Amino acid sequence: MFATVETDFGLFLLREAPANEPLVVSPLSVIFALAMVQAGARVTTKNQINKVISKGAFALIVNAIYFTAEWSVKFDQSSNSKRKFFSAENSEKELEFMNNVDYKLYVEDADLLLLSLQYKDTSYAFNILLPKKRFGLGEVLKTMDGEKVQNLLSKLKETYVSVPFPHFIF
């Protein structure tokens, strides 16, 4: 149950963020950070905190809690290549992509592809949800909830895939 609630909160943050900007969502970290601040606040301050935390602030808080860790299987830098990256339909950049062809945890349904990249510390994973329809993230987010994401995560299977992954700098 908690994982579904946590996932719903992460989806809320994702819906509030601009679609064409990179965003790393760590709902558990955000929940604990906000809970600690709010728990320590007195009544007046607590009410002010609730007013100050706007939609834009959520994206800033989440980006501030960027998780840096080592991949369980590192991307080989010699396989990096330049590719076009589209942040919007009429906005493209040439970025460096890390590439890997290997067995990864992967699943798809009618709307989404889900790839789970494992960290060296297996308590964590970097889960990538990619709409099958290009620029269809907004459409998919309208119907997505924590239960659907948790259901997909439960169906991950080792699959031989090619992973071109943009090398973002946060």
N, C-alpha and C. Protein backbone atom coordinates (compact mmCIF):
# COMPACT_ATOMS: atom_id res chain seq x y z
N MET A 1 0.82 -1.20 0.00
CA MET A 1 0.00 0.00 0.00
C MET A 1 0.86 1.25 0.00
N PHE A 2 1.92 1.29 0.87
CA PHE A 2 2.76 2.47 0.95
C PHE A 2 3.42 2.76 -0.39
N ALA A 3 3.90 1.72 -1.09
CA ALA A 3 4.56 1.94 -2.39
C ALA A 3 3.60 2.58 -3.38
N THR A 4 2.34 2.21 -3.35
CA THR A 4 1.35 2.80 -4.26
C THR A 4 1.14 4.27 -3.93
N VAL A 5 1.02 4.61 -2.66
CA VAL A 5 0.84 6.00 -2.24
C VAL A 5 2.07 6.82 -2.61
N GLU A 6 3.25 6.27 -2.35
CA GLU A 6 4.50 6.93 -2.70
C GLU A 6 4.56 7.17 -4.21
N THR A 7 4.19 6.18 -4.99
CA THR A 7 4.20 6.31 -6.44
C THR A 7 3.20 7.35 -6.90
N ASP A 8 2.01 7.38 -6.30
CA ASP A 8 1.02 8.42 -6.63
C ASP A 8 1.60 9.81 -6.38
N PHE A 9 2.30 9.98 -5.27
CA PHE A 9 2.91 11.28 -4.96
C PHE A 9 3.96 11.64 -6.00
N GLY A 10 4.79 10.67 -6.39
CA GLY A 10 5.79 10.90 -7.43
C GLY A 10 5.14 11.28 -8.75
N LEU A 11 4.04 10.64 -9.09
CA LEU A 11 3.31 10.98 -10.32
C LEU A 11 2.74 12.39 -10.24
N PHE A 12 2.28 12.80 -9.06
CA PHE A 12 1.80 14.17 -8.87
C PHE A 12 2.92 15.15 -9.18
N LEU A 13 4.11 14.90 -8.64
CA LEU A 13 5.25 15.78 -8.89
C LEU A 13 5.58 15.82 -10.38
N LEU A 14 5.54 14.67 -11.03
CA LEU A 14 5.82 14.59 -12.45
C LEU A 14 4.81 15.38 -13.27
N ARG A 15 3.53 15.30 -12.90
CA ARG A 15 2.49 16.04 -13.61
C ARG A 15 2.67 17.55 -13.47
N GLU A 16 3.21 18.00 -12.34
CA GLU A 16 3.35 19.43 -12.07
C GLU A 16 4.60 20.03 -12.71
N ALA A 17 5.54 19.20 -13.11
CA ALA A 17 6.80 19.68 -13.69
C ALA A 17 6.64 19.96 -15.17
N PRO A 18 7.40 20.93 -15.71
CA PRO A 18 7.38 21.15 -17.16
C PRO A 18 7.83 19.89 -17.89
N ALA A 19 7.11 19.53 -18.94
CA ALA A 19 7.37 18.27 -19.65
C ALA A 19 8.70 18.27 -20.39
N ASN A 20 9.25 19.43 -20.69
CA ASN A 20 10.47 19.48 -21.50
C ASN A 20 11.72 19.74 -20.66
N GLU A 21 11.65 19.55 -19.34
CA GLU A 21 12.81 19.72 -18.49
C GLU A 21 13.10 18.41 -17.76
N PRO A 22 14.41 18.07 -17.59
CA PRO A 22 14.72 16.84 -16.88
C PRO A 22 14.31 16.95 -15.42
N LEU A 23 13.83 15.86 -14.89
CA LEU A 23 13.37 15.84 -13.51
C LEU A 23 13.64 14.48 -12.90
N VAL A 24 14.31 14.47 -11.78
CA VAL A 24 14.55 13.23 -11.05
C VAL A 24 13.61 13.23 -9.86
N VAL A 25 12.75 12.24 -9.77
CA VAL A 25 11.75 12.19 -8.70
C VAL A 25 12.13 11.12 -7.70
N SER A 26 12.33 11.54 -6.47
CA SER A 26 12.56 10.63 -5.36
C SER A 26 11.51 10.92 -4.30
N PRO A 27 10.29 10.41 -4.50
CA PRO A 27 9.18 10.75 -3.61
C PRO A 27 9.46 10.48 -2.14
N LEU A 28 10.10 9.37 -1.84
CA LEU A 28 10.35 9.04 -0.44
C LEU A 28 11.21 10.11 0.22
N SER A 29 12.25 10.56 -0.47
CA SER A 29 13.11 11.61 0.08
C SER A 29 12.33 12.90 0.27
N VAL A 30 11.50 13.24 -0.70
CA VAL A 30 10.72 14.47 -0.61
C VAL A 30 9.72 14.38 0.54
N ILE A 31 9.03 13.27 0.66
CA ILE A 31 8.05 13.09 1.73
C ILE A 31 8.71 13.27 3.09
N PHE A 32 9.85 12.61 3.29
CA PHE A 32 10.51 12.71 4.59
C PHE A 32 11.02 14.13 4.84
N ALA A 33 11.58 14.77 3.82
CA ALA A 33 12.09 16.14 3.99
C ALA A 33 10.96 17.09 4.37
N LEU A 34 9.86 17.04 3.64
CA LEU A 34 8.73 17.92 3.93
C LEU A 34 8.10 17.60 5.28
N ALA A 35 8.00 16.32 5.61
CA ALA A 35 7.41 15.93 6.89
C ALA A 35 8.25 16.43 8.05
N MET A 36 9.58 16.36 7.93
CA MET A 36 10.45 16.83 9.00
C MET A 36 10.32 18.34 9.18
N VAL A 37 10.30 19.09 8.09
CA VAL A 37 10.15 20.54 8.17
C VAL A 37 8.81 20.88 8.80
N GLN A 38 7.76 20.25 8.31
CA GLN A 38 6.43 20.56 8.80
C GLN A 38 6.23 20.11 10.25
N ALA A 39 6.79 18.98 10.62
CA ALA A 39 6.64 18.47 11.99
C ALA A 39 7.29 19.40 13.01
N GLY A 40 8.39 20.01 12.62
CA GLY A 40 9.10 20.91 13.53
C GLY A 40 8.52 22.31 13.58
N ALA A 41 7.60 22.62 12.71
CA ALA A 41 7.05 23.97 12.64
C ALA A 41 5.89 24.14 13.63
N ARG A 42 5.75 25.38 14.12
CA ARG A 42 4.60 25.70 14.98
C ARG A 42 3.40 26.01 14.11
N VAL A 43 2.25 26.22 14.69
CA VAL A 43 0.99 26.38 13.96
C VAL A 43 1.08 27.45 12.88
N THR A 44 1.51 28.68 13.22
CA THR A 44 1.56 29.77 12.24
C THR A 44 2.53 29.44 11.12
N THR A 45 3.73 28.97 11.50
CA THR A 45 4.74 28.62 10.50
C THR A 45 4.27 27.47 9.64
N LYS A 46 3.61 26.48 10.26
CA LYS A 46 3.11 25.32 9.52
C LYS A 46 2.13 25.77 8.43
N ASN A 47 1.24 26.70 8.77
CA ASN A 47 0.29 27.22 7.79
C ASN A 47 1.01 27.98 6.68
N GLN A 48 2.06 28.72 7.04
CA GLN A 48 2.83 29.45 6.03
C GLN A 48 3.56 28.47 5.11
N ILE A 49 4.09 27.40 5.66
CA ILE A 49 4.77 26.39 4.84
C ILE A 49 3.80 25.82 3.81
N ASN A 50 2.59 25.50 4.24
CA ASN A 50 1.60 24.95 3.31
C ASN A 50 1.27 25.93 2.19
N LYS A 51 1.29 27.24 2.48
CA LYS A 51 1.00 28.25 1.46
C LYS A 51 2.18 28.43 0.51
N VAL A 52 3.40 28.31 1.03
CA VAL A 52 4.61 28.57 0.24
C VAL A 52 4.91 27.43 -0.73
N ILE A 53 4.60 26.20 -0.36
CA ILE A 53 4.94 25.06 -1.21
C ILE A 53 3.97 25.02 -2.38
N SER A 54 4.38 25.68 -3.45
CA SER A 54 3.55 25.77 -4.65
C SER A 54 3.93 24.66 -5.61
N LYS A 55 3.22 24.63 -6.74
CA LYS A 55 3.51 23.62 -7.76
C LYS A 55 4.96 23.70 -8.22
N GLY A 56 5.44 24.91 -8.50
CA GLY A 56 6.81 25.09 -8.96
C GLY A 56 7.83 24.68 -7.92
N ALA A 57 7.51 24.90 -6.65
CA ALA A 57 8.44 24.56 -5.58
C ALA A 57 8.68 23.06 -5.50
N PHE A 58 7.65 22.26 -5.78
CA PHE A 58 7.83 20.81 -5.75
C PHE A 58 8.94 20.38 -6.71
N ALA A 59 8.93 20.92 -7.93
CA ALA A 59 9.95 20.54 -8.91
C ALA A 59 11.33 20.95 -8.42
N LEU A 60 11.44 22.12 -7.81
CA LEU A 60 12.73 22.57 -7.30
C LEU A 60 13.22 21.67 -6.17
N ILE A 61 12.33 21.30 -5.27
CA ILE A 61 12.70 20.44 -4.15
C ILE A 61 13.16 19.08 -4.66
N VAL A 62 12.43 18.52 -5.60
CA VAL A 62 12.77 17.20 -6.12
C VAL A 62 14.11 17.25 -6.85
N ASN A 63 14.34 18.28 -7.66
CA ASN A 63 15.61 18.40 -8.36
C ASN A 63 16.76 18.61 -7.39
N ALA A 64 16.50 19.25 -6.25
CA ALA A 64 17.54 19.48 -5.25
C ALA A 64 17.97 18.19 -4.57
N ILE A 65 17.12 17.18 -4.59
CA ILE A 65 17.44 15.90 -3.95
C ILE A 65 17.86 14.91 -5.03
N TYR A 66 18.83 15.27 -5.82
CA TYR A 66 19.31 14.41 -6.90
C TYR A 66 20.15 13.29 -6.31
N PHE A 67 19.82 12.08 -6.66
CA PHE A 67 20.48 10.90 -6.12
C PHE A 67 21.65 10.50 -7.01
N THR A 68 22.85 10.55 -6.46
CA THR A 68 24.02 10.14 -7.23
C THR A 68 24.49 8.78 -6.71
N ALA A 69 24.59 7.85 -7.60
CA ALA A 69 25.02 6.50 -7.23
C ALA A 69 25.65 5.84 -8.44
N GLU A 70 26.34 4.75 -8.19
CA GLU A 70 26.97 4.00 -9.28
C GLU A 70 25.99 2.98 -9.84
N TRP A 71 26.01 2.83 -11.17
CA TRP A 71 25.20 1.79 -11.81
C TRP A 71 25.78 0.43 -11.45
N SER A 72 24.94 -0.60 -11.41
CA SER A 72 25.45 -1.95 -11.16
C SER A 72 26.30 -2.39 -12.35
N VAL A 73 25.86 -2.05 -13.54
CA VAL A 73 26.66 -2.27 -14.75
C VAL A 73 26.85 -0.91 -15.40
N LYS A 74 28.09 -0.46 -15.40
CA LYS A 74 28.36 0.89 -15.91
C LYS A 74 28.22 0.93 -17.43
N PHE A 75 27.84 2.11 -17.92
CA PHE A 75 27.83 2.35 -19.35
C PHE A 75 29.27 2.53 -19.80
N ASP A 76 29.65 1.87 -20.88
CA ASP A 76 31.00 1.98 -21.41
C ASP A 76 31.12 3.29 -22.19
N GLN A 77 32.00 4.18 -21.73
CA GLN A 77 32.14 5.49 -22.38
C GLN A 77 32.54 5.39 -23.84
N SER A 78 33.23 4.33 -24.21
CA SER A 78 33.65 4.19 -25.61
C SER A 78 32.47 3.95 -26.54
N SER A 79 31.32 3.59 -25.98
CA SER A 79 30.14 3.38 -26.82
C SER A 79 29.23 4.62 -26.88
N ASN A 80 29.66 5.71 -26.25
CA ASN A 80 28.88 6.95 -26.32
C ASN A 80 28.80 7.45 -27.75
N SER A 81 27.68 8.08 -28.08
CA SER A 81 27.50 8.63 -29.42
C SER A 81 26.61 9.86 -29.36
N LYS A 82 26.69 10.68 -30.39
CA LYS A 82 25.83 11.86 -30.48
C LYS A 82 24.53 11.46 -31.18
N ARG A 83 23.41 11.93 -30.62
CA ARG A 83 22.09 11.66 -31.20
C ARG A 83 21.21 12.88 -31.00
N LYS A 84 20.13 12.93 -31.77
CA LYS A 84 19.15 14.00 -31.60
C LYS A 84 18.27 13.67 -30.40
N PHE A 85 18.04 14.69 -29.58
CA PHE A 85 17.14 14.57 -28.44
C PHE A 85 16.06 15.62 -28.59
N PHE A 86 14.80 15.18 -28.50
CA PHE A 86 13.67 16.09 -28.66
C PHE A 86 13.05 16.35 -27.29
N SER A 87 13.14 17.61 -26.82
CA SER A 87 12.50 17.96 -25.55
C SER A 87 11.06 18.42 -25.78
N ALA A 88 10.74 18.73 -27.02
CA ALA A 88 9.38 19.08 -27.44
C ALA A 88 9.32 18.82 -28.94
N GLU A 89 8.11 18.85 -29.51
CA GLU A 89 7.96 18.51 -30.93
C GLU A 89 8.83 19.36 -31.84
N ASN A 90 8.98 20.62 -31.53
CA ASN A 90 9.75 21.51 -32.41
C ASN A 90 11.05 21.96 -31.76
N SER A 91 11.56 21.18 -30.84
CA SER A 91 12.79 21.53 -30.14
C SER A 91 13.71 20.32 -30.07
N GLU A 92 14.80 20.38 -30.81
CA GLU A 92 15.74 19.27 -30.78
C GLU A 92 17.14 19.77 -30.48
N LYS A 93 17.91 18.92 -29.83
CA LYS A 93 19.31 19.19 -29.50
C LYS A 93 20.10 17.96 -29.84
N GLU A 94 21.35 18.16 -30.14
CA GLU A 94 22.23 17.01 -30.28
C GLU A 94 22.92 16.81 -28.93
N LEU A 95 22.71 15.65 -28.35
CA LEU A 95 23.28 15.32 -27.04
C LEU A 95 24.15 14.09 -27.14
N GLU A 96 25.00 13.95 -26.15
CA GLU A 96 25.77 12.72 -26.03
C GLU A 96 24.88 11.68 -25.35
N PHE A 97 24.83 10.50 -25.93
CA PHE A 97 24.07 9.39 -25.37
C PHE A 97 25.03 8.31 -24.91
N MET A 98 24.74 7.75 -23.75
CA MET A 98 25.42 6.54 -23.30
C MET A 98 24.65 5.39 -23.93
N ASN A 99 25.35 4.36 -24.33
CA ASN A 99 24.69 3.23 -24.99
C ASN A 99 25.07 1.92 -24.30
N ASN A 100 24.12 1.02 -24.26
CA ASN A 100 24.36 -0.28 -23.67
C ASN A 100 23.43 -1.29 -24.31
N VAL A 101 23.96 -2.43 -24.68
CA VAL A 101 23.14 -3.54 -25.19
C VAL A 101 23.40 -4.71 -24.24
N ASP A 102 22.36 -5.09 -23.52
CA ASP A 102 22.54 -6.11 -22.50
C ASP A 102 21.17 -6.56 -21.99
N TYR A 103 21.18 -7.49 -21.06
CA TYR A 103 19.93 -7.89 -20.41
C TYR A 103 19.62 -6.88 -19.31
N LYS A 104 18.43 -6.34 -19.37
CA LYS A 104 17.96 -5.35 -18.38
C LYS A 104 16.54 -5.73 -17.97
N LEU A 105 16.12 -5.24 -16.82
CA LEU A 105 14.73 -5.44 -16.38
C LEU A 105 13.84 -4.53 -17.21
N TYR A 106 12.86 -5.12 -17.89
CA TYR A 106 12.06 -4.39 -18.87
C TYR A 106 10.64 -4.96 -18.92
N VAL A 107 9.68 -4.08 -19.18
CA VAL A 107 8.29 -4.50 -19.39
C VAL A 107 7.60 -3.42 -20.22
N GLU A 108 6.56 -3.80 -20.91
CA GLU A 108 5.76 -2.80 -21.62
C GLU A 108 4.29 -3.20 -21.57
N ASP A 109 3.43 -2.18 -21.74
CA ASP A 109 2.00 -2.43 -21.89
C ASP A 109 1.53 -1.67 -23.13
N ALA A 110 0.25 -1.45 -23.27
CA ALA A 110 -0.28 -0.80 -24.47
C ALA A 110 0.22 0.64 -24.63
N ASP A 111 0.52 1.32 -23.52
CA ASP A 111 0.89 2.74 -23.58
C ASP A 111 2.35 3.03 -23.27
N LEU A 112 2.99 2.19 -22.47
CA LEU A 112 4.29 2.51 -21.90
C LEU A 112 5.35 1.44 -22.09
N LEU A 113 6.60 1.91 -22.09
CA LEU A 113 7.76 1.05 -21.95
C LEU A 113 8.34 1.38 -20.58
N LEU A 114 8.75 0.39 -19.81
CA LEU A 114 9.37 0.64 -18.52
C LEU A 114 10.68 -0.12 -18.46
N LEU A 115 11.75 0.61 -18.22
CA LEU A 115 13.09 0.04 -18.11
C LEU A 115 13.60 0.35 -16.72
N SER A 116 14.14 -0.64 -16.04
CA SER A 116 14.68 -0.46 -14.70
C SER A 116 16.18 -0.67 -14.75
N LEU A 117 16.93 0.41 -14.53
CA LEU A 117 18.39 0.33 -14.49
C LEU A 117 18.80 0.21 -13.03
N GLN A 118 19.56 -0.81 -12.74
CA GLN A 118 19.92 -1.11 -11.36
C GLN A 118 21.17 -0.35 -10.93
N TYR A 119 21.16 0.08 -9.68
CA TYR A 119 22.34 0.68 -9.07
C TYR A 119 23.15 -0.40 -8.39
N LYS A 120 24.41 -0.07 -8.09
CA LYS A 120 25.27 -1.00 -7.36
C LYS A 120 24.61 -1.37 -6.02
N ASP A 121 24.06 -0.37 -5.34
CA ASP A 121 23.27 -0.62 -4.13
C ASP A 121 21.88 -1.02 -4.62
N THR A 122 21.57 -2.29 -4.55
CA THR A 122 20.34 -2.81 -5.15
C THR A 122 19.07 -2.39 -4.41
N SER A 123 19.22 -1.59 -3.35
CA SER A 123 18.04 -1.03 -2.68
C SER A 123 17.35 -0.01 -3.58
N TYR A 124 18.09 0.47 -4.59
CA TYR A 124 17.58 1.53 -5.46
C TYR A 124 17.66 1.09 -6.92
N ALA A 125 16.79 1.68 -7.72
CA ALA A 125 16.82 1.47 -9.17
C ALA A 125 16.37 2.76 -9.83
N PHE A 126 16.81 2.97 -11.04
CA PHE A 126 16.41 4.13 -11.82
C PHE A 126 15.37 3.62 -12.82
N ASN A 127 14.11 3.91 -12.57
CA ASN A 127 13.04 3.41 -13.42
C ASN A 127 12.63 4.46 -14.43
N ILE A 128 12.67 4.08 -15.69
CA ILE A 128 12.35 4.99 -16.79
C ILE A 128 11.03 4.57 -17.40
N LEU A 129 10.06 5.47 -17.36
CA LEU A 129 8.76 5.25 -18.00
C LEU A 129 8.74 6.06 -19.28
N LEU A 130 8.57 5.40 -20.39
CA LEU A 130 8.59 6.07 -21.68
C LEU A 130 7.31 5.77 -22.44
N PRO A 131 6.55 6.81 -22.79
CA PRO A 131 5.32 6.56 -23.56
C PRO A 131 5.67 5.99 -24.93
N LYS A 132 4.86 5.07 -25.42
CA LYS A 132 5.08 4.51 -26.75
C LYS A 132 4.86 5.58 -27.83
N LYS A 133 3.92 6.49 -27.56
CA LYS A 133 3.63 7.56 -28.50
C LYS A 133 4.56 8.74 -28.20
N ARG A 134 5.32 9.17 -29.21
CA ARG A 134 6.25 10.28 -29.02
C ARG A 134 5.49 11.51 -28.55
N PHE A 135 6.01 12.18 -27.53
CA PHE A 135 5.41 13.36 -26.90
C PHE A 135 4.05 13.04 -26.28
N GLY A 136 3.84 11.79 -25.90
CA GLY A 136 2.57 11.38 -25.33
C GLY A 136 2.57 11.30 -23.81
N LEU A 137 3.59 11.88 -23.16
CA LEU A 137 3.69 11.78 -21.71
C LEU A 137 2.48 12.38 -21.00
N GLY A 138 2.06 13.57 -21.41
CA GLY A 138 0.92 14.22 -20.77
C GLY A 138 -0.33 13.37 -20.85
N GLU A 139 -0.54 12.76 -22.00
CA GLU A 139 -1.71 11.89 -22.21
C GLU A 139 -1.65 10.66 -21.29
N VAL A 140 -0.49 10.05 -21.20
CA VAL A 140 -0.32 8.85 -20.38
C VAL A 140 -0.47 9.19 -18.89
N LEU A 141 0.06 10.35 -18.48
CA LEU A 141 -0.02 10.74 -17.06
C LEU A 141 -1.45 10.94 -16.58
N LYS A 142 -2.35 11.28 -17.48
CA LYS A 142 -3.76 11.50 -17.10
C LYS A 142 -4.40 10.23 -16.54
N THR A 143 -3.98 9.08 -17.05
CA THR A 143 -4.61 7.81 -16.63
C THR A 143 -3.71 6.97 -15.73
N MET A 144 -2.49 7.43 -15.49
CA MET A 144 -1.56 6.64 -14.70
C MET A 144 -1.77 6.89 -13.21
N ASP A 145 -1.65 5.82 -12.43
CA ASP A 145 -1.69 5.97 -10.98
C ASP A 145 -0.65 5.02 -10.37
N GLY A 146 -0.48 5.13 -9.07
CA GLY A 146 0.52 4.32 -8.38
C GLY A 146 0.31 2.83 -8.54
N GLU A 147 -0.94 2.41 -8.54
CA GLU A 147 -1.24 0.98 -8.69
C GLU A 147 -0.78 0.47 -10.05
N LYS A 148 -1.00 1.25 -11.11
CA LYS A 148 -0.59 0.83 -12.46
C LYS A 148 0.94 0.72 -12.54
N VAL A 149 1.63 1.71 -11.97
CA VAL A 149 3.10 1.68 -12.00
C VAL A 149 3.61 0.49 -11.19
N GLN A 150 3.07 0.28 -10.00
CA GLN A 150 3.50 -0.86 -9.18
C GLN A 150 3.22 -2.19 -9.88
N ASN A 151 2.10 -2.27 -10.60
CA ASN A 151 1.76 -3.47 -11.36
C ASN A 151 2.81 -3.72 -12.45
N LEU A 152 3.18 -2.66 -13.17
CA LEU A 152 4.22 -2.81 -14.20
C LEU A 152 5.55 -3.24 -13.57
N LEU A 153 5.92 -2.59 -12.46
CA LEU A 153 7.18 -2.94 -11.80
C LEU A 153 7.20 -4.41 -11.38
N SER A 154 6.06 -4.94 -10.99
CA SER A 154 6.00 -6.35 -10.57
C SER A 154 6.17 -7.31 -11.74
N LYS A 155 6.04 -6.81 -12.96
CA LYS A 155 6.14 -7.67 -14.15
C LYS A 155 7.47 -7.53 -14.88
N LEU A 156 8.42 -6.79 -14.32
CA LEU A 156 9.72 -6.62 -14.96
C LEU A 156 10.38 -7.98 -15.18
N LYS A 157 10.97 -8.16 -16.38
CA LYS A 157 11.67 -9.40 -16.71
C LYS A 157 12.99 -9.05 -17.39
N GLU A 158 13.99 -9.90 -17.16
CA GLU A 158 15.26 -9.74 -17.85
C GLU A 158 15.01 -9.89 -19.35
N THR A 159 15.34 -8.84 -20.09
CA THR A 159 15.09 -8.80 -21.53
C THR A 159 16.32 -8.21 -22.21
N TYR A 160 16.70 -8.76 -23.35
CA TYR A 160 17.84 -8.25 -24.09
C TYR A 160 17.41 -6.98 -24.82
N VAL A 161 17.97 -5.84 -24.41
CA VAL A 161 17.55 -4.56 -24.97
C VAL A 161 18.75 -3.69 -25.31
N SER A 162 18.51 -2.77 -26.23
CA SER A 162 19.48 -1.72 -26.56
C SER A 162 19.02 -0.46 -25.85
N VAL A 163 19.91 0.12 -25.05
CA VAL A 163 19.55 1.28 -24.24
C VAL A 163 20.40 2.49 -24.64
N PRO A 164 19.83 3.38 -25.45
CA PRO A 164 20.48 4.68 -25.65
C PRO A 164 19.94 5.63 -24.58
N PHE A 165 20.82 6.18 -23.75
CA PHE A 165 20.39 6.97 -22.60
C PHE A 165 21.07 8.33 -22.64
N PRO A 166 20.30 9.42 -22.70
CA PRO A 166 20.92 10.75 -22.76
C PRO A 166 21.78 11.02 -21.53
N HIS A 167 22.92 11.61 -21.77
CA HIS A 167 23.83 11.96 -20.68
C HIS A 167 23.46 13.35 -20.19
N PHE A 168 22.52 13.41 -19.23
CA PHE A 168 22.06 14.68 -18.68
C PHE A 168 23.02 15.15 -17.62
N ILE A 169 23.13 16.46 -17.50
CA ILE A 169 23.90 17.06 -16.42
C ILE A 169 22.91 17.82 -15.57
N PHE A 170 22.80 17.43 -14.29
CA PHE A 170 21.86 18.08 -13.38
C PHE A 170 22.57 19.11 -12.55
